[in-house]
């Protein structure tokens, strides 16, 4: 039987780590076969809010977005997703992030415009098998918080 640790901790929540909890369950006679993360570890992926966007000067299907990621300055991010909108909240992979599959985010120049990160779909961060544009987050998602 599989169940989430979060669900279990709604019923019993001892102040122990995941590994200690698994050991305690095993010692109580319940076999724990494996502990599997349900989502990949996403370092340097935060909630971002698109403050403004404009058409890319040299590409019809790209847009240049100014994105608030909770830092003093807005980030300039070039995006090709059709569903990017002003005031929308999306996952942002910052420079230095390594997405699932080993894809590393670096500062890039896309058709002459510098981009300092990447707005992400759910597929790109392995939270879904489908990618129909960017993963839209709730409008009250805390900007700058790790995903």
C-alpha atoms as a PDB file:
ATOM      1  CA  UNK A   1       0.000   0.000   0.000  1.00  0.00           C
ATOM      2  CA  UNK A   2       1.281   3.476  -0.853  1.00  0.00           C
ATOM      3  CA  UNK A   3       0.401   6.668   0.987  1.00  0.00           C
ATOM      4  CA  UNK A   4       1.976  10.055   1.458  1.00  0.00           C
ATOM      5  CA  UNK A   5       3.911  11.095   4.505  1.00  0.00           C
ATOM      6  CA  UNK A   6       1.825  14.265   4.602  1.00  0.00           C
ATOM      7  CA  UNK A   7      -1.357  12.188   4.882  1.00  0.00           C
ATOM      8  CA  UNK A   8       0.154  10.031   7.636  1.00  0.00           C
ATOM      9  CA  UNK A   9       1.263  13.096   9.584  1.00  0.00           C
ATOM     10  CA  UNK A  10      -2.325  14.377   9.583  1.00  0.00           C
ATOM     11  CA  UNK A  11      -3.118  11.409  11.822  1.00  0.00           C
ATOM     12  CA  UNK A  12       0.103  11.046  13.803  1.00  0.00           C
ATOM     13  CA  UNK A  13       2.891  13.592  13.747  1.00  0.00           C
ATOM     14  CA  UNK A  14       5.834  12.637  15.925  1.00  0.00           C
ATOM     15  CA  UNK A  15       8.691  15.123  15.926  1.00  0.00           C
ATOM     16  CA  UNK A  16      11.037  12.867  13.921  1.00  0.00           C
ATOM     17  CA  UNK A  17      12.559  12.857  10.443  1.00  0.00           C
ATOM     18  CA  UNK A  18      11.101  10.898   7.542  1.00  0.00           C
ATOM     19  CA  UNK A  19      13.744   8.185   7.938  1.00  0.00           C
ATOM     20  CA  UNK A  20      13.134   7.903  11.696  1.00  0.00           C
ATOM     21  CA  UNK A  21       9.387   7.679  11.106  1.00  0.00           C
ATOM     22  CA  UNK A  22       9.908   4.845   8.597  1.00  0.00           C
ATOM     23  CA  UNK A  23      12.121   3.029  11.108  1.00  0.00           C
ATOM     24  CA  UNK A  24       9.522   3.450  13.874  1.00  0.00           C
ATOM     25  CA  UNK A  25       6.790   2.086  11.599  1.00  0.00           C
ATOM     26  CA  UNK A  26       8.965  -0.910  10.723  1.00  0.00           C
ATOM     27  CA  UNK A  27       9.707  -1.575  14.396  1.00  0.00           C
ATOM     28  CA  UNK A  28       5.949  -1.461  15.072  1.00  0.00           C
ATOM     29  CA  UNK A  29       5.445  -4.292  12.569  1.00  0.00           C
ATOM     30  CA  UNK A  30       4.542  -2.271   9.471  1.00  0.00           C
ATOM     31  CA  UNK A  31       6.964  -2.934   6.648  1.00  0.00           C
ATOM     32  CA  UNK A  32       8.277   0.169   4.856  1.00  0.00           C
ATOM     33  CA  UNK A  33       9.572  -0.958   1.454  1.00  0.00           C
ATOM     34  CA  UNK A  34      10.661   2.423   0.140  1.00  0.00           C
ATOM     35  CA  UNK A  35      10.492   6.151   0.628  1.00  0.00           C
ATOM     36  CA  UNK A  36       9.903   7.826  -2.727  1.00  0.00           C
ATOM     37  CA  UNK A  37       9.736  11.565  -3.362  1.00  0.00           C
ATOM     38  CA  UNK A  38       6.624  12.553  -5.306  1.00  0.00           C
ATOM     39  CA  UNK A  39       8.237  15.621  -6.838  1.00  0.00           C
ATOM     40  CA  UNK A  40      11.790  16.417  -7.868  1.00  0.00           C
ATOM     41  CA  UNK A  41      13.959  18.689  -5.737  1.00  0.00           C
ATOM     42  CA  UNK A  42      13.756  22.102  -7.347  1.00  0.00           C
ATOM     43  CA  UNK A  43      16.621  24.283  -6.161  1.00  0.00           C
ATOM     44  CA  UNK A  44      16.568  27.813  -7.559  1.00  0.00           C
ATOM     45  CA  UNK A  45      12.986  27.473  -8.832  1.00  0.00           C
ATOM     46  CA  UNK A  46      10.774  30.149  -7.293  1.00  0.00           C
ATOM     47  CA  UNK A  47       7.389  31.790  -7.692  1.00  0.00           C
ATOM     48  CA  UNK A  48       7.593  34.684 -10.132  1.00  0.00           C
ATOM     49  CA  UNK A  49       5.045  37.300 -11.145  1.00  0.00           C
ATOM     50  CA  UNK A  50       5.104  38.829 -14.623  1.00  0.00           C
ATOM     51  CA  UNK A  51       4.983  42.597 -14.137  1.00  0.00           C
ATOM     52  CA  UNK A  52       5.103  43.528 -17.806  1.00  0.00           C
ATOM     53  CA  UNK A  53       5.581  41.905 -21.176  1.00  0.00           C
ATOM     54  CA  UNK A  54       6.207  43.157 -24.671  1.00  0.00           C
ATOM     55  CA  UNK A  55       6.788  41.565 -28.053  1.00  0.00           C
ATOM     56  CA  UNK A  56      10.352  40.497 -28.807  1.00  0.00           C
ATOM     57  CA  UNK A  57      11.866  42.943 -31.326  1.00  0.00           C
ATOM     58  CA  UNK A  58      13.261  40.168 -33.564  1.00  0.00           C
ATOM     59  CA  UNK A  59      10.945  37.173 -33.075  1.00  0.00           C
ATOM     60  CA  UNK A  60       7.212  36.931 -33.692  1.00  0.00           C
ATOM     61  CA  UNK A  61       6.529  34.145 -31.190  1.00  0.00           C
ATOM     62  CA  UNK A  62       8.703  35.378 -28.312  1.00  0.00           C
ATOM     63  CA  UNK A  63       7.922  37.942 -25.632  1.00  0.00           C
ATOM     64  CA  UNK A  64      10.201  39.846 -23.296  1.00  0.00           C
ATOM     65  CA  UNK A  65       8.897  39.694 -19.721  1.00  0.00           C
ATOM     66  CA  UNK A  66       9.839  41.691 -16.634  1.00  0.00           C
ATOM     67  CA  UNK A  67       9.441  39.242 -13.761  1.00  0.00           C
ATOM     68  CA  UNK A  68       9.351  39.874 -10.006  1.00  0.00           C
ATOM     69  CA  UNK A  69      11.067  37.014  -8.151  1.00  0.00           C
ATOM     70  CA  UNK A  70      11.187  38.710  -4.757  1.00  0.00           C
ATOM     71  CA  UNK A  71      14.528  40.453  -5.255  1.00  0.00           C
ATOM     72  CA  UNK A  72      15.313  44.159  -5.559  1.00  0.00           C
ATOM     73  CA  UNK A  73      15.458  44.108  -9.362  1.00  0.00           C
ATOM     74  CA  UNK A  74      13.046  42.616 -11.861  1.00  0.00           C
ATOM     75  CA  UNK A  75      14.411  39.879 -14.112  1.00  0.00           C
ATOM     76  CA  UNK A  76      14.321  40.154 -17.879  1.00  0.00           C
ATOM     77  CA  UNK A  77      13.121  36.760 -19.182  1.00  0.00           C
ATOM     78  CA  UNK A  78      12.430  35.895 -22.815  1.00  0.00           C
ATOM     79  CA  UNK A  79       9.476  33.521 -23.128  1.00  0.00           C
ATOM     80  CA  UNK A  80       7.753  31.740 -25.989  1.00  0.00           C
ATOM     81  CA  UNK A  81       4.802  30.273 -24.090  1.00  0.00           C
ATOM     82  CA  UNK A  82       1.442  31.337 -25.534  1.00  0.00           C
ATOM     83  CA  UNK A  83      -0.249  31.593 -22.119  1.00  0.00           C
ATOM     84  CA  UNK A  84       2.117  34.076 -20.439  1.00  0.00           C
ATOM     85  CA  UNK A  85       0.114  37.050 -19.121  1.00  0.00           C
ATOM     86  CA  UNK A  86       0.749  40.283 -17.264  1.00  0.00           C
ATOM     87  CA  UNK A  87       0.243  39.771 -13.498  1.00  0.00           C
ATOM     88  CA  UNK A  88       0.378  35.985 -13.941  1.00  0.00           C
ATOM     89  CA  UNK A  89       2.332  33.876 -11.455  1.00  0.00           C
ATOM     90  CA  UNK A  90       4.540  31.083 -12.791  1.00  0.00           C
ATOM     91  CA  UNK A  91       7.465  28.891 -11.709  1.00  0.00           C
ATOM     92  CA  UNK A  92      10.749  30.632 -12.544  1.00  0.00           C
ATOM     93  CA  UNK A  93      14.008  28.713 -12.880  1.00  0.00           C
ATOM     94  CA  UNK A  94      16.712  31.167 -11.857  1.00  0.00           C
ATOM     95  CA  UNK A  95      20.263  31.222 -13.188  1.00  0.00           C
ATOM     96  CA  UNK A  96      22.045  28.306 -11.541  1.00  0.00           C
ATOM     97  CA  UNK A  97      18.972  26.082 -11.409  1.00  0.00           C
ATOM     98  CA  UNK A  98      19.286  22.530 -12.650  1.00  0.00           C
ATOM     99  CA  UNK A  99      15.986  21.212 -13.923  1.00  0.00           C
ATOM    100  CA  UNK A 100      15.129  17.512 -14.033  1.00  0.00           C
ATOM    101  CA  UNK A 101      17.032  15.822 -16.820  1.00  0.00           C
ATOM    102  CA  UNK A 102      20.174  17.863 -16.119  1.00  0.00           C
ATOM    103  CA  UNK A 103      19.101  21.022 -17.988  1.00  0.00           C
ATOM    104  CA  UNK A 104      21.075  23.914 -16.449  1.00  0.00           C
ATOM    105  CA  UNK A 105      19.745  27.456 -16.518  1.00  0.00           C
ATOM    106  CA  UNK A 106      22.283  30.069 -17.574  1.00  0.00           C
ATOM    107  CA  UNK A 107      22.096  33.665 -18.692  1.00  0.00           C
ATOM    108  CA  UNK A 108      21.292  33.517 -22.392  1.00  0.00           C
ATOM    109  CA  UNK A 109      20.831  35.846 -25.322  1.00  0.00           C
ATOM    110  CA  UNK A 110      17.758  34.921 -27.369  1.00  0.00           C
ATOM    111  CA  UNK A 111      17.641  36.651 -30.733  1.00  0.00           C
ATOM    112  CA  UNK A 112      19.626  39.576 -29.315  1.00  0.00           C
ATOM    113  CA  UNK A 113      17.764  39.995 -25.996  1.00  0.00           C
ATOM    114  CA  UNK A 114      19.309  38.817 -22.725  1.00  0.00           C
ATOM    115  CA  UNK A 115      17.287  36.420 -20.582  1.00  0.00           C
ATOM    116  CA  UNK A 116      18.048  35.815 -16.896  1.00  0.00           C
ATOM    117  CA  UNK A 117      16.007  32.702 -16.189  1.00  0.00           C
ATOM    118  CA  UNK A 118      13.156  30.636 -17.548  1.00  0.00           C
ATOM    119  CA  UNK A 119       9.419  30.575 -16.960  1.00  0.00           C
ATOM    120  CA  UNK A 120       8.488  26.894 -16.631  1.00  0.00           C
ATOM    121  CA  UNK A 121       5.762  24.491 -17.635  1.00  0.00           C
ATOM    122  CA  UNK A 122       4.727  21.718 -15.248  1.00  0.00           C
ATOM    123  CA  UNK A 123       6.431  19.209 -17.556  1.00  0.00           C
ATOM    124  CA  UNK A 124       9.760  21.051 -17.441  1.00  0.00           C
ATOM    125  CA  UNK A 125       9.836  20.700 -13.649  1.00  0.00           C
ATOM    126  CA  UNK A 126       8.391  17.158 -13.774  1.00  0.00           C
ATOM    127  CA  UNK A 127       5.131  17.920 -12.005  1.00  0.00           C
ATOM    128  CA  UNK A 128       3.101  16.673 -14.983  1.00  0.00           C
ATOM    129  CA  UNK A 129       3.557  14.647 -18.152  1.00  0.00           C
ATOM    130  CA  UNK A 130       1.822  17.299 -20.235  1.00  0.00           C
ATOM    131  CA  UNK A 131       3.045  20.750 -21.189  1.00  0.00           C
ATOM    132  CA  UNK A 132       0.298  23.039 -22.396  1.00  0.00           C
ATOM    133  CA  UNK A 133       2.119  26.300 -21.845  1.00  0.00           C
ATOM    134  CA  UNK A 134       3.389  27.611 -18.550  1.00  0.00           C
ATOM    135  CA  UNK A 135       2.286  26.187 -15.229  1.00  0.00           C
ATOM    136  CA  UNK A 136      -0.040  28.845 -13.840  1.00  0.00           C
ATOM    137  CA  UNK A 137       0.177  29.383 -10.091  1.00  0.00           C
ATOM    138  CA  UNK A 138      -2.488  31.021  -7.901  1.00  0.00           C
ATOM    139  CA  UNK A 139      -2.456  34.831  -8.001  1.00  0.00           C
ATOM    140  CA  UNK A 140      -1.748  34.933  -4.261  1.00  0.00           C
ATOM    141  CA  UNK A 141       1.304  32.639  -4.529  1.00  0.00           C
ATOM    142  CA  UNK A 142       4.134  34.157  -2.453  1.00  0.00           C
ATOM    143  CA  UNK A 143       6.527  35.788  -4.937  1.00  0.00           C
ATOM    144  CA  UNK A 144      10.121  34.681  -4.433  1.00  0.00           C
ATOM    145  CA  UNK A 145       9.279  31.552  -2.428  1.00  0.00           C
ATOM    146  CA  UNK A 146      10.868  28.274  -3.473  1.00  0.00           C
ATOM    147  CA  UNK A 147       8.419  26.114  -5.360  1.00  0.00           C
END
